[in-house]
N, C-alpha and C. Protein backbone atom coordinates (compact mmCIF):
# COMPACT_ATOMS: atom_id res chain seq x y z
N MET A 1 0.85 -1.16 0.00
CA MET A 1 0.00 0.00 0.00
C MET A 1 0.90 1.23 0.00
N ASP A 2 0.60 2.19 -0.83
CA ASP A 2 1.43 3.38 -0.91
C ASP A 2 1.13 4.35 0.23
N ARG A 3 1.95 5.37 0.32
CA ARG A 3 1.90 6.30 1.45
C ARG A 3 0.57 7.05 1.53
N GLU A 4 0.06 7.48 0.40
CA GLU A 4 -1.19 8.25 0.40
C GLU A 4 -2.37 7.41 0.87
N ARG A 5 -2.43 6.17 0.43
CA ARG A 5 -3.53 5.30 0.87
C ARG A 5 -3.45 5.00 2.36
N ARG A 6 -2.23 4.83 2.87
CA ARG A 6 -2.08 4.61 4.31
C ARG A 6 -2.53 5.84 5.08
N ALA A 7 -2.25 7.04 4.56
CA ALA A 7 -2.68 8.26 5.24
C ALA A 7 -4.21 8.38 5.23
N TRP A 8 -4.84 8.05 4.11
CA TRP A 8 -6.31 8.08 4.04
C TRP A 8 -6.91 7.05 4.99
N LEU A 9 -6.31 5.87 5.05
CA LEU A 9 -6.80 4.82 5.95
C LEU A 9 -6.68 5.28 7.41
N ARG A 10 -5.58 5.92 7.72
CA ARG A 10 -5.39 6.43 9.09
C ARG A 10 -6.43 7.50 9.42
N LEU A 11 -6.70 8.39 8.48
CA LEU A 11 -7.72 9.41 8.69
C LEU A 11 -9.09 8.77 8.91
N LEU A 12 -9.40 7.76 8.13
CA LEU A 12 -10.68 7.05 8.28
C LEU A 12 -10.79 6.38 9.65
N ILE A 13 -9.71 5.77 10.11
CA ILE A 13 -9.72 5.12 11.42
C ILE A 13 -9.90 6.14 12.53
N VAL A 14 -9.23 7.28 12.44
CA VAL A 14 -9.35 8.32 13.47
C VAL A 14 -10.77 8.90 13.47
N ALA A 15 -11.34 9.13 12.30
CA ALA A 15 -12.71 9.67 12.22
C ALA A 15 -13.72 8.65 12.76
N ALA A 16 -13.53 7.38 12.45
CA ALA A 16 -14.44 6.35 12.95
C ALA A 16 -14.33 6.22 14.47
N ALA A 17 -13.14 6.35 15.00
CA ALA A 17 -12.97 6.29 16.46
C ALA A 17 -13.63 7.48 17.14
N ALA A 18 -13.51 8.66 16.54
CA ALA A 18 -14.16 9.85 17.11
C ALA A 18 -15.68 9.70 17.05
N ALA A 19 -16.19 9.15 15.96
CA ALA A 19 -17.62 8.92 15.86
C ALA A 19 -18.09 7.89 16.87
N LEU A 20 -17.29 6.88 17.12
CA LEU A 20 -17.62 5.89 18.14
C LEU A 20 -17.66 6.53 19.53
N GLY A 21 -16.71 7.40 19.81
CA GLY A 21 -16.71 8.12 21.08
C GLY A 21 -17.94 8.99 21.24
N GLN A 22 -18.33 9.66 20.17
CA GLN A 22 -19.54 10.48 20.20
C GLN A 22 -20.78 9.62 20.45
N THR A 23 -20.85 8.50 19.77
CA THR A 23 -22.00 7.60 19.93
C THR A 23 -22.10 7.05 21.34
N ILE A 24 -20.98 6.64 21.89
CA ILE A 24 -20.99 6.10 23.26
C ILE A 24 -21.39 7.19 24.25
N GLY A 25 -20.91 8.40 24.05
CA GLY A 25 -21.27 9.49 24.95
C GLY A 25 -22.74 9.83 24.92
N VAL A 26 -23.34 9.84 23.75
CA VAL A 26 -24.77 10.13 23.63
C VAL A 26 -25.58 8.97 24.17
N TRP A 27 -25.15 7.75 23.89
CA TRP A 27 -25.87 6.56 24.33
C TRP A 27 -25.88 6.44 25.85
N GLN A 28 -24.76 6.76 26.49
CA GLN A 28 -24.66 6.66 27.94
C GLN A 28 -25.12 7.94 28.66
N ARG A 29 -25.45 8.97 27.90
CA ARG A 29 -25.90 10.26 28.44
C ARG A 29 -24.91 10.83 29.44
N LEU A 30 -23.66 10.81 29.07
CA LEU A 30 -22.60 11.33 29.93
C LEU A 30 -22.51 12.85 29.79
N PRO A 31 -22.27 13.56 30.88
CA PRO A 31 -22.13 15.02 30.78
C PRO A 31 -20.81 15.38 30.09
N SER A 32 -20.83 16.43 29.33
CA SER A 32 -19.66 16.94 28.59
C SER A 32 -19.07 15.92 27.63
N SER A 33 -19.88 15.02 27.13
CA SER A 33 -19.36 14.00 26.22
C SER A 33 -19.35 14.48 24.77
N ASP A 34 -19.95 15.63 24.49
CA ASP A 34 -20.00 16.12 23.12
C ASP A 34 -18.61 16.46 22.58
N LEU A 35 -17.72 16.85 23.46
CA LEU A 35 -16.38 17.21 23.02
C LEU A 35 -15.32 16.25 23.57
N LEU A 36 -15.47 15.82 24.78
CA LEU A 36 -14.42 15.09 25.45
C LEU A 36 -14.21 13.67 24.90
N LEU A 37 -15.26 12.89 24.81
CA LEU A 37 -15.10 11.51 24.36
C LEU A 37 -14.63 11.38 22.91
N PRO A 38 -15.19 12.14 21.96
CA PRO A 38 -14.65 12.03 20.60
C PRO A 38 -13.18 12.45 20.52
N LEU A 39 -12.82 13.45 21.31
CA LEU A 39 -11.42 13.90 21.32
C LEU A 39 -10.51 12.81 21.89
N LEU A 40 -10.94 12.17 22.96
CA LEU A 40 -10.13 11.09 23.54
C LEU A 40 -10.04 9.88 22.63
N PHE A 41 -11.15 9.47 22.05
CA PHE A 41 -11.14 8.31 21.16
C PHE A 41 -10.33 8.60 19.89
N GLY A 42 -10.51 9.79 19.32
CA GLY A 42 -9.75 10.15 18.12
C GLY A 42 -8.27 10.28 18.41
N GLY A 43 -7.94 10.86 19.56
CA GLY A 43 -6.53 10.97 19.94
C GLY A 43 -5.88 9.62 20.17
N ALA A 44 -6.62 8.72 20.79
CA ALA A 44 -6.10 7.38 21.01
C ALA A 44 -5.89 6.65 19.68
N ALA A 45 -6.83 6.80 18.77
CA ALA A 45 -6.67 6.16 17.46
C ALA A 45 -5.51 6.77 16.69
N PHE A 46 -5.33 8.08 16.81
CA PHE A 46 -4.21 8.75 16.15
C PHE A 46 -2.88 8.21 16.68
N TYR A 47 -2.80 8.08 18.00
CA TYR A 47 -1.57 7.59 18.62
C TYR A 47 -1.31 6.12 18.25
N LEU A 48 -2.35 5.31 18.25
CA LEU A 48 -2.18 3.89 17.97
C LEU A 48 -1.87 3.59 16.51
N THR A 49 -2.19 4.53 15.61
CA THR A 49 -1.92 4.31 14.19
C THR A 49 -0.69 5.07 13.70
N LEU A 50 0.17 5.50 14.60
CA LEU A 50 1.38 6.22 14.20
C LEU A 50 2.26 5.39 13.27
N GLY A 51 2.36 4.11 13.51
CA GLY A 51 3.21 3.25 12.70
C GLY A 51 2.67 2.98 11.32
N LEU A 52 1.45 3.37 11.05
CA LEU A 52 0.84 3.10 9.75
C LEU A 52 1.44 3.95 8.64
N THR A 53 1.86 5.17 8.95
CA THR A 53 2.33 6.08 7.92
C THR A 53 3.84 6.27 7.92
N THR A 54 4.56 5.60 8.81
CA THR A 54 6.00 5.75 8.82
C THR A 54 6.63 4.96 7.69
N VAL A 55 7.76 5.43 7.24
CA VAL A 55 8.47 4.78 6.15
C VAL A 55 9.24 3.60 6.73
N ARG A 56 9.08 2.46 6.11
CA ARG A 56 9.78 1.26 6.57
C ARG A 56 11.06 1.07 5.79
N TYR A 57 11.96 0.34 6.37
CA TYR A 57 13.25 0.01 5.76
C TYR A 57 14.07 1.26 5.46
N ARG A 58 14.07 2.19 6.36
CA ARG A 58 14.86 3.41 6.18
C ARG A 58 16.31 3.09 6.52
N ARG A 59 17.16 3.20 5.54
CA ARG A 59 18.57 2.89 5.76
C ARG A 59 19.41 4.16 5.89
N GLY A 60 18.85 5.28 5.53
CA GLY A 60 19.60 6.53 5.62
C GLY A 60 20.53 6.70 4.43
N GLY A 61 21.25 7.79 4.43
CA GLY A 61 22.19 8.04 3.35
C GLY A 61 21.50 8.55 2.10
N ASN A 62 22.27 8.62 1.03
CA ASN A 62 21.77 9.10 -0.24
C ASN A 62 21.31 7.90 -1.07
N VAL A 63 20.02 7.69 -1.15
CA VAL A 63 19.47 6.56 -1.89
C VAL A 63 19.00 7.07 -3.24
N ARG A 64 19.40 6.36 -4.30
CA ARG A 64 19.01 6.77 -5.64
C ARG A 64 18.05 5.75 -6.23
N TYR A 65 17.10 6.26 -7.01
CA TYR A 65 16.10 5.41 -7.66
C TYR A 65 16.08 5.70 -9.15
N TRP A 66 15.76 4.67 -9.93
CA TRP A 66 15.55 4.84 -11.36
C TRP A 66 14.36 3.99 -11.74
N ARG A 67 13.33 4.66 -12.26
CA ARG A 67 12.08 4.00 -12.64
C ARG A 67 11.47 3.22 -11.48
N GLY A 68 11.54 3.80 -10.29
CA GLY A 68 10.93 3.19 -9.13
C GLY A 68 11.73 2.08 -8.48
N ARG A 69 12.91 1.80 -9.02
CA ARG A 69 13.74 0.75 -8.43
C ARG A 69 14.99 1.36 -7.82
N ARG A 70 15.37 0.80 -6.71
CA ARG A 70 16.56 1.28 -6.01
C ARG A 70 17.81 0.89 -6.77
N ILE A 71 18.75 1.83 -6.88
CA ILE A 71 20.01 1.59 -7.58
C ILE A 71 21.07 1.24 -6.53
N ASP A 72 21.67 0.09 -6.70
CA ASP A 72 22.74 -0.33 -5.81
C ASP A 72 24.07 0.03 -6.46
N ASP A 73 24.87 0.86 -5.80
CA ASP A 73 26.15 1.30 -6.37
C ASP A 73 27.21 0.21 -6.40
N ASP A 74 27.00 -0.82 -5.62
CA ASP A 74 28.01 -1.89 -5.59
C ASP A 74 27.83 -2.76 -6.75
């Protein structure tokens, strides 16, 4: 999956978690749940999905590509 799709998936997960927090707050009739629960659920989902958008196999240095393939200087 490319980087943009992972970012959209992460946004969808965070929005769904915030909506779940809103639903639980309304369902349980909790005071001040209109802002607090969606913020907590969305923040938790944001934190838990941090690894979804990070670049894997980062080796550092000057990496060169040609036509989408990595060029090995050796």
